[in-house]
Amino acid sequence: MNPDKPYDTLEIEDIDNLNHYHTVIVKNEGVAIKHGTWKFYDPSTGMISRTETYTLGKRELPKSEPVTDSATTVKKSMAKPKEVQEYEKKNAGKKRIRVRDGAVN
């Protein structure tokens, strides 16, 4: 949504006929809420560290996840792929590792 505009136009799917849409004008209150599936990535590996589902700004807990205080977080460790483990084992203790990054000199 553009915060400079006081109103925004949305197309909402019709409940009775799923192939038709209605145009609705809503007031832009300048806030955003989390909705849907959010994926959080680990910056060092680039892999997904956790996935959370939100409905209108409130987090939905999976049935298998116990309800805990938001201040208490449990960090899950992700297993590294076999190739990464072999690379780290091969280059352990080396000061400088030559890596091909695709850069052209």
PDB file of N, CA and C in Angstrom:
ATOM      1  N   MET A   1       0.836  -1.176   0.000  1.00  0.00           N
ATOM      2  CA  MET A   1       0.000   0.000   0.000  1.00  0.00           C
ATOM      3  C   MET A   1       0.882   1.241   0.000  1.00  0.00           C
ATOM      4  N   ASN A   2       0.455   2.233  -0.724  1.00  0.00           N
ATOM      5  CA  ASN A   2       1.189   3.490  -0.799  1.00  0.00           C
ATOM      6  C   ASN A   2       0.762   4.373   0.366  1.00  0.00           C
ATOM      7  N   PRO A   3       1.682   4.740   1.290  1.00  0.00           N
ATOM      8  CA  PRO A   3       1.293   5.542   2.445  1.00  0.00           C
ATOM      9  C   PRO A   3       0.907   6.974   2.085  1.00  0.00           C
ATOM     10  N   ASP A   4       1.244   7.426   0.864  1.00  0.00           N
ATOM     11  CA  ASP A   4       0.889   8.781   0.457  1.00  0.00           C
ATOM     12  C   ASP A   4      -0.589   8.915   0.075  1.00  0.00           C
ATOM     13  N   LYS A   5      -1.231   7.805  -0.229  1.00  0.00           N
ATOM     14  CA  LYS A   5      -2.637   7.840  -0.648  1.00  0.00           C
ATOM     15  C   LYS A   5      -3.544   7.482   0.524  1.00  0.00           C
ATOM     16  N   PRO A   6      -4.630   8.252   0.746  1.00  0.00           N
ATOM     17  CA  PRO A   6      -5.501   7.975   1.893  1.00  0.00           C
ATOM     18  C   PRO A   6      -6.384   6.744   1.715  1.00  0.00           C
ATOM     19  N   TYR A   7      -6.635   6.310   0.466  1.00  0.00           N
ATOM     20  CA  TYR A   7      -7.485   5.154   0.208  1.00  0.00           C
ATOM     21  C   TYR A   7      -6.801   4.231  -0.787  1.00  0.00           C
ATOM     22  N   ASP A   8      -7.169   2.944  -0.741  1.00  0.00           N
ATOM     23  CA  ASP A   8      -6.617   1.973  -1.669  1.00  0.00           C
ATOM     24  C   ASP A   8      -7.761   1.121  -2.210  1.00  0.00           C
ATOM     25  N   THR A   9      -7.581   0.598  -3.404  1.00  0.00           N
ATOM     26  CA  THR A   9      -8.595  -0.229  -4.050  1.00  0.00           C
ATOM     27  C   THR A   9      -8.119  -1.677  -4.056  1.00  0.00           C
ATOM     28  N   LEU A  10      -8.981  -2.587  -3.597  1.00  0.00           N
ATOM     29  CA  LEU A  10      -8.662  -4.013  -3.557  1.00  0.00           C
ATOM     30  C   LEU A  10      -9.721  -4.783  -4.327  1.00  0.00           C
ATOM     31  N   GLU A  11      -9.312  -5.922  -4.884  1.00  0.00           N
ATOM     32  CA  GLU A  11     -10.268  -6.808  -5.540  1.00  0.00           C
ATOM     33  C   GLU A  11     -10.469  -8.011  -4.630  1.00  0.00           C
ATOM     34  N   ILE A  12     -11.715  -8.225  -4.232  1.00  0.00           N
ATOM     35  CA  ILE A  12     -12.067  -9.297  -3.306  1.00  0.00           C
ATOM     36  C   ILE A  12     -12.851 -10.364  -4.071  1.00  0.00           C
ATOM     37  N   GLU A  13     -12.490 -11.638  -3.846  1.00  0.00           N
ATOM     38  CA  GLU A  13     -13.155 -12.740  -4.530  1.00  0.00           C
ATOM     39  C   GLU A  13     -14.578 -12.922  -3.990  1.00  0.00           C
ATOM     40  N   ASP A  14     -15.512 -13.139  -4.882  1.00  0.00           N
ATOM     41  CA  ASP A  14     -16.907 -13.345  -4.501  1.00  0.00           C
ATOM     42  C   ASP A  14     -17.063 -14.737  -3.890  1.00  0.00           C
ATOM     43  N   ILE A  15     -17.759 -14.820  -2.773  1.00  0.00           N
ATOM     44  CA  ILE A  15     -17.933 -16.107  -2.078  1.00  0.00           C
ATOM     45  C   ILE A  15     -18.810 -17.055  -2.875  1.00  0.00           C
ATOM     46  N   ASP A  16     -19.870 -16.544  -3.472  1.00  0.00           N
ATOM     47  CA  ASP A  16     -20.814 -17.386  -4.206  1.00  0.00           C
ATOM     48  C   ASP A  16     -20.263 -17.854  -5.553  1.00  0.00           C
ATOM     49  N   ASN A  17     -19.545 -16.976  -6.247  1.00  0.00           N
ATOM     50  CA  ASN A  17     -19.001 -17.310  -7.556  1.00  0.00           C
ATOM     51  C   ASN A  17     -17.508 -17.034  -7.517  1.00  0.00           C
ATOM     52  N   LEU A  18     -16.687 -18.070  -7.473  1.00  0.00           N
ATOM     53  CA  LEU A  18     -15.244 -17.915  -7.266  1.00  0.00           C
ATOM     54  C   LEU A  18     -14.520 -17.306  -8.460  1.00  0.00           C
ATOM     55  N   ASN A  19     -15.195 -17.189  -9.611  1.00  0.00           N
ATOM     56  CA  ASN A  19     -14.551 -16.605 -10.793  1.00  0.00           C
ATOM     57  C   ASN A  19     -14.786 -15.104 -10.903  1.00  0.00           C
ATOM     58  N   HIS A  20     -15.571 -14.518 -10.009  1.00  0.00           N
ATOM     59  CA  HIS A  20     -15.870 -13.090 -10.064  1.00  0.00           C
ATOM     60  C   HIS A  20     -15.258 -12.378  -8.855  1.00  0.00           C
ATOM     61  N   TYR A  21     -14.890 -11.115  -9.082  1.00  0.00           N
ATOM     62  CA  TYR A  21     -14.279 -10.298  -8.044  1.00  0.00           C
ATOM     63  C   TYR A  21     -15.059  -8.998  -7.879  1.00  0.00           C
ATOM     64  N   HIS A  22     -15.071  -8.469  -6.649  1.00  0.00           N
ATOM     65  CA  HIS A  22     -15.676  -7.183  -6.346  1.00  0.00           C
ATOM     66  C   HIS A  22     -14.563  -6.195  -6.026  1.00  0.00           C
ATOM     67  N   THR A  23     -14.718  -4.961  -6.485  1.00  0.00           N
ATOM     68  CA  THR A  23     -13.754  -3.915  -6.169  1.00  0.00           C
ATOM     69  C   THR A  23     -14.202  -3.211  -4.900  1.00  0.00           C
ATOM     70  N   VAL A  24     -13.298  -3.118  -3.927  1.00  0.00           N
ATOM     71  CA  VAL A  24     -13.609  -2.523  -2.636  1.00  0.00           C
ATOM     72  C   VAL A  24     -12.597  -1.414  -2.368  1.00  0.00           C
ATOM     73  N   ILE A  25     -13.066  -0.276  -1.885  1.00  0.00           N
ATOM     74  CA  ILE A  25     -12.192   0.831  -1.515  1.00  0.00           C
ATOM     75  C   ILE A  25     -12.048   0.827   0.003  1.00  0.00           C
ATOM     76  N   VAL A  26     -10.807   0.774   0.469  1.00  0.00           N
ATOM     77  CA  VAL A  26     -10.543   0.731   1.909  1.00  0.00           C
ATOM     78  C   VAL A  26      -9.663   1.908   2.298  1.00  0.00           C
ATOM     79  N   LYS A  27      -9.808   2.346   3.545  1.00  0.00           N
ATOM     80  CA  LYS A  27      -8.999   3.445   4.044  1.00  0.00           C
ATOM     81  C   LYS A  27      -7.612   2.914   4.398  1.00  0.00           C
ATOM     82  N   ASN A  28      -6.582   3.634   3.975  1.00  0.00           N
ATOM     83  CA  ASN A  28      -5.202   3.275   4.271  1.00  0.00           C
ATOM     84  C   ASN A  28      -4.853   3.839   5.642  1.00  0.00           C
ATOM     85  N   GLU A  29      -4.699   2.962   6.628  1.00  0.00           N
ATOM     86  CA  GLU A  29      -4.380   3.396   7.976  1.00  0.00           C
ATOM     87  C   GLU A  29      -2.877   3.430   8.223  1.00  0.00           C
ATOM     88  N   GLY A  30      -2.085   3.093   7.209  1.00  0.00           N
ATOM     89  CA  GLY A  30      -0.639   3.202   7.324  1.00  0.00           C
ATOM     90  C   GLY A  30       0.016   2.126   8.155  1.00  0.00           C
ATOM     91  N   VAL A  31      -0.652   1.017   8.385  1.00  0.00           N
ATOM     92  CA  VAL A  31      -0.062  -0.067   9.159  1.00  0.00           C
ATOM     93  C   VAL A  31      -0.114  -1.345   8.330  1.00  0.00           C
ATOM     94  N   ALA A  32       0.763  -2.255   8.633  1.00  0.00           N
ATOM     95  CA  ALA A  32       0.782  -3.557   7.982  1.00  0.00           C
ATOM     96  C   ALA A  32       0.758  -4.626   9.059  1.00  0.00           C
ATOM     97  N   ILE A  33       0.105  -5.730   8.759  1.00  0.00           N
ATOM     98  CA  ILE A  33       0.069  -6.841   9.704  1.00  0.00           C
ATOM     99  C   ILE A  33       0.556  -8.097   9.004  1.00  0.00           C
ATOM    100  N   LYS A  34       1.085  -9.008   9.791  1.00  0.00           N
ATOM    101  CA  LYS A  34       1.544 -10.282   9.246  1.00  0.00           C
ATOM    102  C   LYS A  34       0.327 -11.154   8.960  1.00  0.00           C
ATOM    103  N   HIS A  35       0.339 -11.766   7.767  1.00  0.00           N
ATOM    104  CA  HIS A  35      -0.743 -12.667   7.409  1.00  0.00           C
ATOM    105  C   HIS A  35      -0.189 -13.699   6.433  1.00  0.00           C
ATOM    106  N   GLY A  36      -0.422 -14.957   6.717  1.00  0.00           N
ATOM    107  CA  GLY A  36       0.071 -16.022   5.853  1.00  0.00           C
ATOM    108  C   GLY A  36       1.314 -16.673   6.432  1.00  0.00           C
ATOM    109  N   THR A  37       2.046 -17.380   5.585  1.00  0.00           N
ATOM    110  CA  THR A  37       3.241 -18.107   6.006  1.00  0.00           C
ATOM    111  C   THR A  37       4.460 -17.214   5.873  1.00  0.00           C
ATOM    112  N   TRP A  38       5.211 -17.091   6.961  1.00  0.00           N
ATOM    113  CA  TRP A  38       6.441 -16.301   6.997  1.00  0.00           C
ATOM    114  C   TRP A  38       7.599 -17.261   7.153  1.00  0.00           C
ATOM    115  N   LYS A  39       8.609 -17.139   6.280  1.00  0.00           N
ATOM    116  CA  LYS A  39       9.800 -17.984   6.337  1.00  0.00           C
ATOM    117  C   LYS A  39      10.969 -17.137   6.804  1.00  0.00           C
ATOM    118  N   PHE A  40      11.691 -17.617   7.800  1.00  0.00           N
ATOM    119  CA  PHE A  40      12.844 -16.920   8.345  1.00  0.00           C
ATOM    120  C   PHE A  40      14.095 -17.690   7.939  1.00  0.00           C
ATOM    121  N   TYR A  41      15.078 -16.967   7.378  1.00  0.00           N
ATOM    122  CA  TYR A  41      16.286 -17.586   6.851  1.00  0.00           C
ATOM    123  C   TYR A  41      17.476 -17.314   7.755  1.00  0.00           C
ATOM    124  N   ASP A  42      18.375 -18.296   7.837  1.00  0.00           N
ATOM    125  CA  ASP A  42      19.628 -18.148   8.566  1.00  0.00           C
ATOM    126  C   ASP A  42      20.598 -17.406   7.654  1.00  0.00           C
ATOM    127  N   PRO A  43      21.118 -16.231   8.077  1.00  0.00           N
ATOM    128  CA  PRO A  43      21.978 -15.456   7.177  1.00  0.00           C
ATOM    129  C   PRO A  43      23.309 -16.128   6.849  1.00  0.00           C
ATOM    130  N   SER A  44      23.797 -17.000   7.705  1.00  0.00           N
ATOM    131  CA  SER A  44      25.092 -17.624   7.434  1.00  0.00           C
ATOM    132  C   SER A  44      24.981 -18.777   6.436  1.00  0.00           C
ATOM    133  N   THR A  45      23.885 -19.522   6.466  1.00  0.00           N
ATOM    134  CA  THR A  45      23.746 -20.665   5.568  1.00  0.00           C
ATOM    135  C   THR A  45      22.769 -20.400   4.434  1.00  0.00           C
ATOM    136  N   GLY A  46      21.838 -19.470   4.621  1.00  0.00           N
ATOM    137  CA  GLY A  46      20.833 -19.201   3.596  1.00  0.00           C
ATOM    138  C   GLY A  46      19.687 -20.196   3.610  1.00  0.00           C
ATOM    139  N   MET A  47      19.678 -21.093   4.579  1.00  0.00           N
ATOM    140  CA  MET A  47      18.609 -22.088   4.673  1.00  0.00           C
ATOM    141  C   MET A  47      17.503 -21.557   5.580  1.00  0.00           C
ATOM    142  N   ILE A  48      16.308 -22.107   5.424  1.00  0.00           N
ATOM    143  CA  ILE A  48      15.173 -21.696   6.237  1.00  0.00           C
ATOM    144  C   ILE A  48      15.401 -22.164   7.668  1.00  0.00           C
ATOM    145  N   SER A  49      15.378 -21.214   8.620  1.00  0.00           N
ATOM    146  CA  SER A  49      15.585 -21.594  10.016  1.00  0.00           C
ATOM    147  C   SER A  49      14.263 -21.929  10.698  1.00  0.00           C
ATOM    148  N   ARG A  50      13.192 -21.223  10.333  1.00  0.00           N
ATOM    149  CA  ARG A  50      11.879 -21.557  10.891  1.00  0.00           C
ATOM    150  C   ARG A  50      10.787 -20.983   9.994  1.00  0.00           C
ATOM    151  N   THR A  51       9.602 -21.525  10.132  1.00  0.00           N
ATOM    152  CA  THR A  51       8.445 -21.068   9.381  1.00  0.00           C
ATOM    153  C   THR A  51       7.314 -20.837  10.369  1.00  0.00           C
ATOM    154  N   GLU A  52       6.651 -19.696  10.256  1.00  0.00           N
ATOM    155  CA  GLU A  52       5.536 -19.374  11.136  1.00  0.00           C
ATOM    156  C   GLU A  52       4.337 -18.969  10.287  1.00  0.00           C
ATOM    157  N   THR A  53       3.141 -19.290  10.773  1.00  0.00           N
ATOM    158  CA  THR A  53       1.913 -18.925  10.080  1.00  0.00           C
ATOM    159  C   THR A  53       1.158 -17.909  10.917  1.00  0.00           C
ATOM    160  N   TYR A  54       0.740 -16.811  10.284  1.00  0.00           N
ATOM    161  CA  TYR A  54       0.009 -15.741  10.952  1.00  0.00           C
ATOM    162  C   TYR A  54      -1.359 -15.564  10.307  1.00  0.00           C
ATOM    163  N   THR A  55      -2.346 -15.224  11.136  1.00  0.00           N
ATOM    164  CA  THR A  55      -3.668 -14.859  10.663  1.00  0.00           C
ATOM    165  C   THR A  55      -4.015 -13.514  11.277  1.00  0.00           C
ATOM    166  N   LEU A  56      -4.082 -12.499  10.425  1.00  0.00           N
ATOM    167  CA  LEU A  56      -4.408 -11.140  10.843  1.00  0.00           C
ATOM    168  C   LEU A  56      -3.537 -10.673  12.011  1.00  0.00           C
ATOM    169  N   GLY A  57      -2.240 -10.929  11.917  1.00  0.00           N
ATOM    170  CA  GLY A  57      -1.276 -10.446  12.904  1.00  0.00           C
ATOM    171  C   GLY A  57      -1.067 -11.339  14.097  1.00  0.00           C
ATOM    172  N   LYS A  58      -1.841 -12.414  14.232  1.00  0.00           N
ATOM    173  CA  LYS A  58      -1.675 -13.324  15.372  1.00  0.00           C
ATOM    174  C   LYS A  58      -1.070 -14.633  14.882  1.00  0.00           C
ATOM    175  N   ARG A  59      -0.062 -15.112  15.627  1.00  0.00           N
ATOM    176  CA  ARG A  59       0.638 -16.331  15.251  1.00  0.00           C
ATOM    177  C   ARG A  59      -0.220 -17.554  15.543  1.00  0.00           C
ATOM    178  N   GLU A  60      -0.309 -18.432  14.553  1.00  0.00           N
ATOM    179  CA  GLU A  60      -1.006 -19.702  14.737  1.00  0.00           C
ATOM    180  C   GLU A  60       0.017 -20.751  15.150  1.00  0.00           C
ATOM    181  N   LEU A  61      -0.275 -21.479  16.201  1.00  0.00           N
ATOM    182  CA  LEU A  61       0.630 -22.520  16.659  1.00  0.00           C
ATOM    183  C   LEU A  61       0.242 -23.847  16.020  1.00  0.00           C
ATOM    184  N   PRO A  62       1.237 -24.592  15.513  1.00  0.00           N
ATOM    185  CA  PRO A  62       0.929 -25.933  15.009  1.00  0.00           C
ATOM    186  C   PRO A  62       0.431 -26.814  16.147  1.00  0.00           C
ATOM    187  N   LYS A  63      -0.312 -27.835  15.817  1.00  0.00           N
ATOM    188  CA  LYS A  63      -0.875 -28.707  16.842  1.00  0.00           C
ATOM    189  C   LYS A  63       0.195 -29.413  17.659  1.00  0.00           C
ATOM    190  N   SER A  64       1.370 -29.669  17.047  1.00  0.00           N
ATOM    191  CA  SER A  64       2.425 -30.385  17.768  1.00  0.00           C
ATOM    192  C   SER A  64       3.287 -29.459  18.621  1.00  0.00           C
ATOM    193  N   GLU A  65       3.197 -28.126  18.389  1.00  0.00           N
ATOM    194  CA  GLU A  65       4.035 -27.192  19.141  1.00  0.00           C
ATOM    195  C   GLU A  65       3.341 -26.780  20.432  1.00  0.00           C
ATOM    196  N   PRO A  66       4.004 -26.924  21.575  1.00  0.00           N
ATOM    197  CA  PRO A  66       3.380 -26.526  22.828  1.00  0.00           C
ATOM    198  C   PRO A  66       3.307 -25.000  22.953  1.00  0.00           C
ATOM    199  N   VAL A  67       2.371 -24.526  23.724  1.00  0.00           N
ATOM    200  CA  VAL A  67       2.236 -23.096  23.965  1.00  0.00           C
ATOM    201  C   VAL A  67       3.294 -22.684  24.967  1.00  0.00           C
ATOM    202  N   THR A  68       4.140 -21.723  24.584  1.00  0.00           N
ATOM    203  CA  THR A  68       5.200 -21.245  25.471  1.00  0.00           C
ATOM    204  C   THR A  68       5.130 -19.740  25.540  1.00  0.00           C
ATOM    205  N   ASP A  69       5.806 -19.197  26.525  1.00  0.00           N
ATOM    206  CA  ASP A  69       5.893 -17.748  26.665  1.00  0.00           C
ATOM    207  C   ASP A  69       6.719 -17.198  25.511  1.00  0.00           C
ATOM    208  N   SER A  70       6.344 -16.017  24.992  1.00  0.00           N
ATOM    209  CA  SER A  70       7.069 -15.454  23.856  1.00  0.00           C
ATOM    210  C   SER A  70       8.501 -15.087  24.220  1.00  0.00           C
ATOM    211  N   ALA A  71       8.804 -14.868  25.486  1.00  0.00           N
ATOM    212  CA  ALA A  71      10.168 -14.546  25.905  1.00  0.00           C
ATOM    213  C   ALA A  71      11.058 -15.783  25.855  1.00  0.00           C
ATOM    214  N   THR A  72      10.469 -16.966  25.966  1.00  0.00           N
ATOM    215  CA  THR A  72      11.222 -18.206  25.921  1.00  0.00           C
ATOM    216  C   THR A  72      11.210 -18.737  24.502  1.00  0.00           C
ATOM    217  N   THR A  73      12.383 -18.849  23.901  1.00  0.00           N
ATOM    218  CA  THR A  73      12.469 -19.376  22.545  1.00  0.00           C
ATOM    219  C   THR A  73      13.369 -20.585  22.541  1.00  0.00           C
ATOM    220  N   VAL A  74      13.017 -21.547  21.738  1.00  0.00           N
ATOM    221  CA  VAL A  74      13.811 -22.755  21.598  1.00  0.00           C
ATOM    222  C   VAL A  74      14.448 -22.707  20.220  1.00  0.00           C
ATOM    223  N   LYS A  75      15.784 -22.751  20.181  1.00  0.00           N
ATOM    224  CA  LYS A  75      16.486 -22.693  18.910  1.00  0.00           C
ATOM    225  C   LYS A  75      16.764 -24.111  18.446  1.00  0.00           C
ATOM    226  N   LYS A  76      16.327 -24.405  17.241  1.00  0.00           N
ATOM    227  CA  LYS A  76      16.543 -25.722  16.671  1.00  0.00           C
ATOM    228  C   LYS A  76      17.740 -25.656  15.745  1.00  0.00           C
ATOM    229  N   SER A  77      18.623 -26.637  15.866  1.00  0.00           N
ATOM    230  CA  SER A  77      19.784 -26.669  14.988  1.00  0.00           C
ATOM    231  C   SER A  77      19.426 -27.468  13.741  1.00  0.00           C
ATOM    232  N   MET A  78      19.902 -26.974  12.606  1.00  0.00           N
ATOM    233  CA  MET A  78      19.640 -27.646  11.340  1.00  0.00           C
ATOM    234  C   MET A  78      20.877 -28.436  10.943  1.00  0.00           C
ATOM    235  N   ALA A  79      20.666 -29.611  10.397  1.00  0.00           N
ATOM    236  CA  ALA A  79      21.777 -30.451   9.970  1.00  0.00           C
ATOM    237  C   ALA A  79      22.356 -29.891   8.675  1.00  0.00           C
ATOM    238  N   LYS A  80      23.680 -29.884   8.586  1.00  0.00           N
ATOM    239  CA  LYS A  80      24.342 -29.412   7.376  1.00  0.00           C
ATOM    240  C   LYS A  80      24.362 -30.533   6.351  1.00  0.00           C
ATOM    241  N   PRO A  81      24.294 -30.184   5.075  1.00  0.00           N
ATOM    242  CA  PRO A  81      24.399 -31.213   4.036  1.00  0.00           C
ATOM    243  C   PRO A  81      25.757 -31.911   4.079  1.00  0.00           C
ATOM    244  N   LYS A  82      25.795 -33.119   3.559  1.00  0.00           N
ATOM    245  CA  LYS A  82      27.009 -33.930   3.592  1.00  0.00           C
ATOM    246  C   LYS A  82      28.169 -33.227   2.886  1.00  0.00           C
ATOM    247  N   GLU A  83      27.894 -32.556   1.768  1.00  0.00           N
ATOM    248  CA  GLU A  83      28.929 -31.876   1.002  1.00  0.00           C
ATOM    249  C   GLU A  83      29.553 -30.739   1.819  1.00  0.00           C
ATOM    250  N   VAL A  84      28.730 -30.005   2.574  1.00  0.00           N
ATOM    251  CA  VAL A  84      29.233 -28.908   3.395  1.00  0.00           C
ATOM    252  C   VAL A  84      30.106 -29.455   4.518  1.00  0.00           C
ATOM    253  N   GLN A  85      29.689 -30.555   5.135  1.00  0.00           N
ATOM    254  CA  GLN A  85      30.494 -31.158   6.197  1.00  0.00           C
ATOM    255  C   GLN A  85      31.845 -31.625   5.666  1.00  0.00           C
ATOM    256  N   GLU A  86      31.853 -32.226   4.441  1.00  0.00           N
ATOM    257  CA  GLU A  86      33.113 -32.681   3.842  1.00  0.00           C
ATOM    258  C   GLU A  86      34.023 -31.496   3.540  1.00  0.00           C
ATOM    259  N   TYR A  87      33.476 -30.403   3.018  1.00  0.00           N
ATOM    260  CA  TYR A  87      34.257 -29.215   2.690  1.00  0.00           C
ATOM    261  C   TYR A  87      34.876 -28.614   3.948  1.00  0.00           C
ATOM    262  N   GLU A  88      34.079 -28.497   5.015  1.00  0.00           N
ATOM    263  CA  GLU A  88      34.599 -27.945   6.260  1.00  0.00           C
ATOM    264  C   GLU A  88      35.672 -28.841   6.868  1.00  0.00           C
ATOM    265  N   LYS A  89      35.497 -30.149   6.770  1.00  0.00           N
ATOM    266  CA  LYS A  89      36.491 -31.086   7.298  1.00  0.00           C
ATOM    267  C   LYS A  89      37.790 -30.996   6.496  1.00  0.00           C
ATOM    268  N   LYS A  90      37.683 -30.887   5.166  1.00  0.00           N
ATOM    269  CA  LYS A  90      38.848 -30.816   4.295  1.00  0.00           C
ATOM    270  C   LYS A  90      39.630 -29.525   4.525  1.00  0.00           C
ATOM    271  N   ASN A  91      38.954 -28.424   4.780  1.00  0.00           N
ATOM    272  CA  ASN A  91      39.607 -27.123   4.910  1.00  0.00           C
ATOM    273  C   ASN A  91      39.757 -26.661   6.358  1.00  0.00           C
ATOM    274  N   ALA A  92      39.581 -27.541   7.311  1.00  0.00           N
ATOM    275  CA  ALA A  92      39.738 -27.159   8.716  1.00  0.00           C
ATOM    276  C   ALA A  92      41.206 -26.872   9.008  1.00  0.00           C
ATOM    277  N   GLY A  93      41.471 -25.780   9.689  1.00  0.00           N
ATOM    278  CA  GLY A  93      42.825 -25.427  10.076  1.00  0.00           C
ATOM    279  C   GLY A  93      43.581 -24.615   9.042  1.00  0.00           C
ATOM    280  N   LYS A  94      43.039 -24.427   7.865  1.00  0.00           N
ATOM    281  CA  LYS A  94      43.709 -23.627   6.844  1.00  0.00           C
ATOM    282  C   LYS A  94      43.417 -22.153   7.094  1.00  0.00           C
ATOM    283  N   LYS A  95      44.449 -21.327   6.892  1.00  0.00           N
ATOM    284  CA  LYS A  95      44.265 -19.898   7.107  1.00  0.00           C
ATOM    285  C   LYS A  95      43.513 -19.255   5.946  1.00  0.00           C
ATOM    286  N   ARG A  96      43.878 -19.624   4.743  1.00  0.00           N
ATOM    287  CA  ARG A  96      43.242 -19.020   3.584  1.00  0.00           C
ATOM    288  C   ARG A  96      42.685 -20.128   2.698  1.00  0.00           C
ATOM    289  N   ILE A  97      41.411 -20.010   2.365  1.00  0.00           N
ATOM    290  CA  ILE A  97      40.758 -21.011   1.535  1.00  0.00           C
ATOM    291  C   ILE A  97      40.429 -20.358   0.203  1.00  0.00           C
ATOM    292  N   ARG A  98      40.833 -20.991  -0.873  1.00  0.00           N
ATOM    293  CA  ARG A  98      40.529 -20.454  -2.201  1.00  0.00           C
ATOM    294  C   ARG A  98      39.140 -20.918  -2.614  1.00  0.00           C
ATOM    295  N   VAL A  99      38.290 -19.932  -2.872  1.00  0.00           N
ATOM    296  CA  VAL A  99      36.898 -20.227  -3.227  1.00  0.00           C
ATOM    297  C   VAL A  99      36.613 -19.609  -4.581  1.00  0.00           C
ATOM    298  N   ARG A 100      35.975 -20.367  -5.448  1.00  0.00           N
ATOM    299  CA  ARG A 100      35.572 -19.845  -6.752  1.00  0.00           C
ATOM    300  C   ARG A 100      34.196 -19.220  -6.595  1.00  0.00           C
ATOM    301  N   ASP A 101      34.141 -17.898  -6.788  1.00  0.00           N
ATOM    302  CA  ASP A 101      32.867 -17.191  -6.599  1.00  0.00           C
ATOM    303  C   ASP A 101      32.266 -16.692  -7.899  1.00  0.00           C
ATOM    304  N   GLY A 102      32.920 -16.931  -9.034  1.00  0.00           N
ATOM    305  CA  GLY A 102      32.388 -16.523 -10.318  1.00  0.00           C
ATOM    306  C   GLY A 102      32.750 -15.114 -10.720  1.00  0.00           C
ATOM    307  N   ALA A 103      33.581 -14.434  -9.916  1.00  0.00           N
ATOM    308  CA  ALA A 103      33.982 -13.071 -10.248  1.00  0.00           C
ATOM    309  C   ALA A 103      34.974 -13.083 -11.394  1.00  0.00           C
ATOM    310  N   VAL A 104      34.912 -12.049 -12.242  1.00  0.00           N
ATOM    311  CA  VAL A 104      35.805 -11.928 -13.388  1.00  0.00           C
ATOM    312  C   VAL A 104      36.784 -10.791 -13.103  1.00  0.00           C
ATOM    313  N   ASN A 105      38.075 -11.055 -13.243  1.00  0.00           N
ATOM    314  CA  ASN A 105      39.086 -10.019 -13.000  1.00  0.00           C
ATOM    315  C   ASN A 105      39.363  -9.226 -14.236  1.00  0.00           C
TER     316      ASN A 105
END
